[in-house]
Amino acid sequence: MSSNDELNVPQDELAEAWQQTLPERLTGGDKAEVLADGADARTLRVHIKAAGHQSLEFDFAVQYIDSREIDIQLTDVEKDGQSVDERTDIMQELIADYRRHLHETAQALHHYTHS
């Protein structure tokens, strides 16, 4: 494997592949929207609306380090449109679950990103 393992997939195509694949990895009822980050061609913006009556929404930045490895940053958590403290144990568990689903999505797309 080359040490210069760059991601060579057009960002809009990558966002569409994520949009198709991520919902298959989420818990039933959760909704996701994946968009290309206009400021960084290696980054996708992921918005997840949690199922249930809590009206929780999570925003993540998923950046490709190379064609296989991603870095995930939580950018916001909201409940009923208001930012909430993501440091509580319950929030940390939910965030960990969503991070796992994001990694699973990236793994499922290795055939697409690593050619």
C-alpha atoms as a PDB file:
ATOM      1  CA  MET A   1       0.000   0.000   0.000  1.00  0.00           C
ATOM      2  CA  SER A   2       1.232   3.417  -0.894  1.00  0.00           C
ATOM      3  CA  SER A   3       1.912   5.897   1.869  1.00  0.00           C
ATOM      4  CA  ASN A   4       0.279   8.497  -0.376  1.00  0.00           C
ATOM      5  CA  ASP A   5      -3.162   6.864  -0.300  1.00  0.00           C
ATOM      6  CA  GLU A   6      -5.257   9.852  -1.374  1.00  0.00           C
ATOM      7  CA  LEU A   7      -9.023   9.899  -1.663  1.00  0.00           C
ATOM      8  CA  ASN A   8      -9.841  10.237  -5.370  1.00  0.00           C
ATOM      9  CA  VAL A   9     -13.640  10.184  -5.362  1.00  0.00           C
ATOM     10  CA  PRO A  10     -15.587  13.322  -6.323  1.00  0.00           C
ATOM     11  CA  GLN A  11     -17.081  14.811  -3.150  1.00  0.00           C
ATOM     12  CA  ASP A  12     -20.662  14.952  -4.473  1.00  0.00           C
ATOM     13  CA  GLU A  13     -20.514  11.275  -5.493  1.00  0.00           C
ATOM     14  CA  LEU A  14     -19.075  10.361  -2.093  1.00  0.00           C
ATOM     15  CA  ALA A  15     -21.842  12.269  -0.302  1.00  0.00           C
ATOM     16  CA  GLU A  16     -24.449  10.429  -2.380  1.00  0.00           C
ATOM     17  CA  ALA A  17     -22.852   7.052  -1.584  1.00  0.00           C
ATOM     18  CA  TRP A  18     -22.929   7.932   2.119  1.00  0.00           C
ATOM     19  CA  GLN A  19     -26.557   9.092   1.825  1.00  0.00           C
ATOM     20  CA  GLN A  20     -27.466   5.685   0.372  1.00  0.00           C
ATOM     21  CA  THR A  21     -25.423   3.610   2.849  1.00  0.00           C
ATOM     22  CA  LEU A  22     -25.692   5.358   6.229  1.00  0.00           C
ATOM     23  CA  PRO A  23     -29.459   4.838   6.757  1.00  0.00           C
ATOM     24  CA  GLU A  24     -28.903   1.075   6.451  1.00  0.00           C
ATOM     25  CA  ARG A  25     -26.579   1.263   9.465  1.00  0.00           C
ATOM     26  CA  LEU A  26     -28.768   3.444  11.697  1.00  0.00           C
ATOM     27  CA  THR A  27     -31.332   2.305  14.235  1.00  0.00           C
ATOM     28  CA  GLY A  28     -34.859   2.053  12.857  1.00  0.00           C
ATOM     29  CA  GLY A  29     -36.537   5.442  12.738  1.00  0.00           C
ATOM     30  CA  ASP A  30     -33.324   7.500  12.818  1.00  0.00           C
ATOM     31  CA  LYS A  31     -32.956   9.802   9.811  1.00  0.00           C
ATOM     32  CA  ALA A  32     -29.737  11.025   8.239  1.00  0.00           C
ATOM     33  CA  GLU A  33     -28.752  13.671   5.748  1.00  0.00           C
ATOM     34  CA  VAL A  34     -25.270  13.728   4.214  1.00  0.00           C
ATOM     35  CA  LEU A  35     -23.945  16.799   2.433  1.00  0.00           C
ATOM     36  CA  ALA A  36     -20.633  17.758   0.889  1.00  0.00           C
ATOM     37  CA  ASP A  37     -18.717  20.343   2.909  1.00  0.00           C
ATOM     38  CA  GLY A  38     -18.288  23.351   0.649  1.00  0.00           C
ATOM     39  CA  ALA A  39     -15.108  24.445   2.425  1.00  0.00           C
ATOM     40  CA  ASP A  40     -13.217  21.116   2.396  1.00  0.00           C
ATOM     41  CA  ALA A  41     -13.344  18.552  -0.410  1.00  0.00           C
ATOM     42  CA  ARG A  42     -12.360  15.743   2.001  1.00  0.00           C
ATOM     43  CA  THR A  43     -15.167  16.441   4.495  1.00  0.00           C
ATOM     44  CA  LEU A  44     -18.814  15.448   4.630  1.00  0.00           C
ATOM     45  CA  ARG A  45     -21.410  17.003   6.920  1.00  0.00           C
ATOM     46  CA  VAL A  46     -23.743  14.460   8.518  1.00  0.00           C
ATOM     47  CA  HIS A  47     -26.991  15.455  10.246  1.00  0.00           C
ATOM     48  CA  ILE A  48     -28.803  12.720  12.202  1.00  0.00           C
ATOM     49  CA  LYS A  49     -32.294  13.080  13.651  1.00  0.00           C
ATOM     50  CA  ALA A  50     -32.755  10.520  16.409  1.00  0.00           C
ATOM     51  CA  ALA A  51     -35.955   8.508  16.442  1.00  0.00           C
ATOM     52  CA  GLY A  52     -38.356   9.017  19.315  1.00  0.00           C
ATOM     53  CA  HIS A  53     -39.995  11.865  21.118  1.00  0.00           C
ATOM     54  CA  GLN A  54     -36.834  13.550  22.397  1.00  0.00           C
ATOM     55  CA  SER A  55     -36.300  15.613  19.209  1.00  0.00           C
ATOM     56  CA  LEU A  56     -32.536  15.075  19.362  1.00  0.00           C
ATOM     57  CA  GLU A  57     -30.386  16.047  16.401  1.00  0.00           C
ATOM     58  CA  PHE A  58     -26.655  15.424  15.970  1.00  0.00           C
ATOM     59  CA  ASP A  59     -24.229  17.059  13.537  1.00  0.00           C
ATOM     60  CA  PHE A  60     -20.907  15.482  12.620  1.00  0.00           C
ATOM     61  CA  ALA A  61     -18.036  16.403  10.330  1.00  0.00           C
ATOM     62  CA  VAL A  62     -16.569  13.287   8.697  1.00  0.00           C
ATOM     63  CA  GLN A  63     -13.177  13.967   7.165  1.00  0.00           C
ATOM     64  CA  TYR A  64     -11.275  11.475   5.037  1.00  0.00           C
ATOM     65  CA  ILE A  65      -7.638  11.353   6.159  1.00  0.00           C
ATOM     66  CA  ASP A  66      -6.918   9.078   3.203  1.00  0.00           C
ATOM     67  CA  SER A  67      -8.959   6.639   1.103  1.00  0.00           C
ATOM     68  CA  ARG A  68      -9.609   4.340   4.087  1.00  0.00           C
ATOM     69  CA  GLU A  69      -9.344   6.315   7.311  1.00  0.00           C
ATOM     70  CA  ILE A  70     -11.837   8.879   8.581  1.00  0.00           C
ATOM     71  CA  ASP A  71     -11.829  11.374  11.420  1.00  0.00           C
ATOM     72  CA  ILE A  72     -15.184  12.151  13.025  1.00  0.00           C
ATOM     73  CA  GLN A  73     -15.885  15.372  14.903  1.00  0.00           C
ATOM     74  CA  LEU A  74     -19.142  16.092  16.694  1.00  0.00           C
ATOM     75  CA  THR A  75     -20.094  19.659  15.790  1.00  0.00           C
ATOM     76  CA  ASP A  76     -23.483  20.090  17.516  1.00  0.00           C
ATOM     77  CA  VAL A  77     -26.224  18.378  19.522  1.00  0.00           C
ATOM     78  CA  GLU A  78     -29.668  19.928  19.730  1.00  0.00           C
ATOM     79  CA  LYS A  79     -32.923  19.075  21.451  1.00  0.00           C
ATOM     80  CA  ASP A  80     -36.015  20.885  20.211  1.00  0.00           C
ATOM     81  CA  GLY A  81     -33.761  23.286  18.289  1.00  0.00           C
ATOM     82  CA  GLN A  82     -31.665  24.264  21.328  1.00  0.00           C
ATOM     83  CA  SER A  83     -28.028  23.254  21.880  1.00  0.00           C
ATOM     84  CA  VAL A  84     -27.637  20.788  24.747  1.00  0.00           C
ATOM     85  CA  ASP A  85     -24.768  19.589  26.921  1.00  0.00           C
ATOM     86  CA  GLU A  86     -23.329  16.558  25.154  1.00  0.00           C
ATOM     87  CA  ARG A  87     -21.175  15.585  28.158  1.00  0.00           C
ATOM     88  CA  THR A  88     -23.890  13.634  30.000  1.00  0.00           C
ATOM     89  CA  ASP A  89     -23.567   9.842  30.096  1.00  0.00           C
ATOM     90  CA  ILE A  90     -26.706   9.321  27.999  1.00  0.00           C
ATOM     91  CA  MET A  91     -25.526  11.760  25.328  1.00  0.00           C
ATOM     92  CA  GLN A  92     -22.052  10.208  25.290  1.00  0.00           C
ATOM     93  CA  GLU A  93     -23.613   6.765  24.695  1.00  0.00           C
ATOM     94  CA  LEU A  94     -25.712   8.081  21.810  1.00  0.00           C
ATOM     95  CA  ILE A  95     -22.730   9.893  20.299  1.00  0.00           C
ATOM     96  CA  ALA A  96     -20.600   6.730  20.580  1.00  0.00           C
ATOM     97  CA  ASP A  97     -23.322   4.736  18.813  1.00  0.00           C
ATOM     98  CA  TYR A  98     -23.533   7.247  15.974  1.00  0.00           C
ATOM     99  CA  ARG A  99     -19.742   7.383  15.668  1.00  0.00           C
ATOM    100  CA  ARG A 100     -19.752   3.583  15.344  1.00  0.00           C
ATOM    101  CA  HIS A 101     -22.417   3.791  12.608  1.00  0.00           C
ATOM    102  CA  LEU A 102     -20.320   6.388  10.768  1.00  0.00           C
ATOM    103  CA  HIS A 103     -17.250   4.135  10.921  1.00  0.00           C
ATOM    104  CA  GLU A 104     -19.353   1.189   9.703  1.00  0.00           C
ATOM    105  CA  THR A 105     -20.531   3.289   6.763  1.00  0.00           C
ATOM    106  CA  ALA A 106     -16.964   4.229   5.836  1.00  0.00           C
ATOM    107  CA  GLN A 107     -15.967   0.562   6.025  1.00  0.00           C
ATOM    108  CA  ALA A 108     -18.902  -0.445   3.838  1.00  0.00           C
ATOM    109  CA  LEU A 109     -17.709   2.084   1.235  1.00  0.00           C
ATOM    110  CA  HIS A 110     -14.040   0.971   1.177  1.00  0.00           C
ATOM    111  CA  HIS A 111     -14.644  -0.670  -2.211  1.00  0.00           C
ATOM    112  CA  TYR A 112     -15.737   2.731  -3.470  1.00  0.00           C
ATOM    113  CA  THR A 113     -13.130   4.964  -1.817  1.00  0.00           C
ATOM    114  CA  HIS A 114     -10.088   2.693  -2.048  1.00  0.00           C
ATOM    115  CA  SER A 115      -9.500   1.731  -5.652  1.00  0.00           C
END
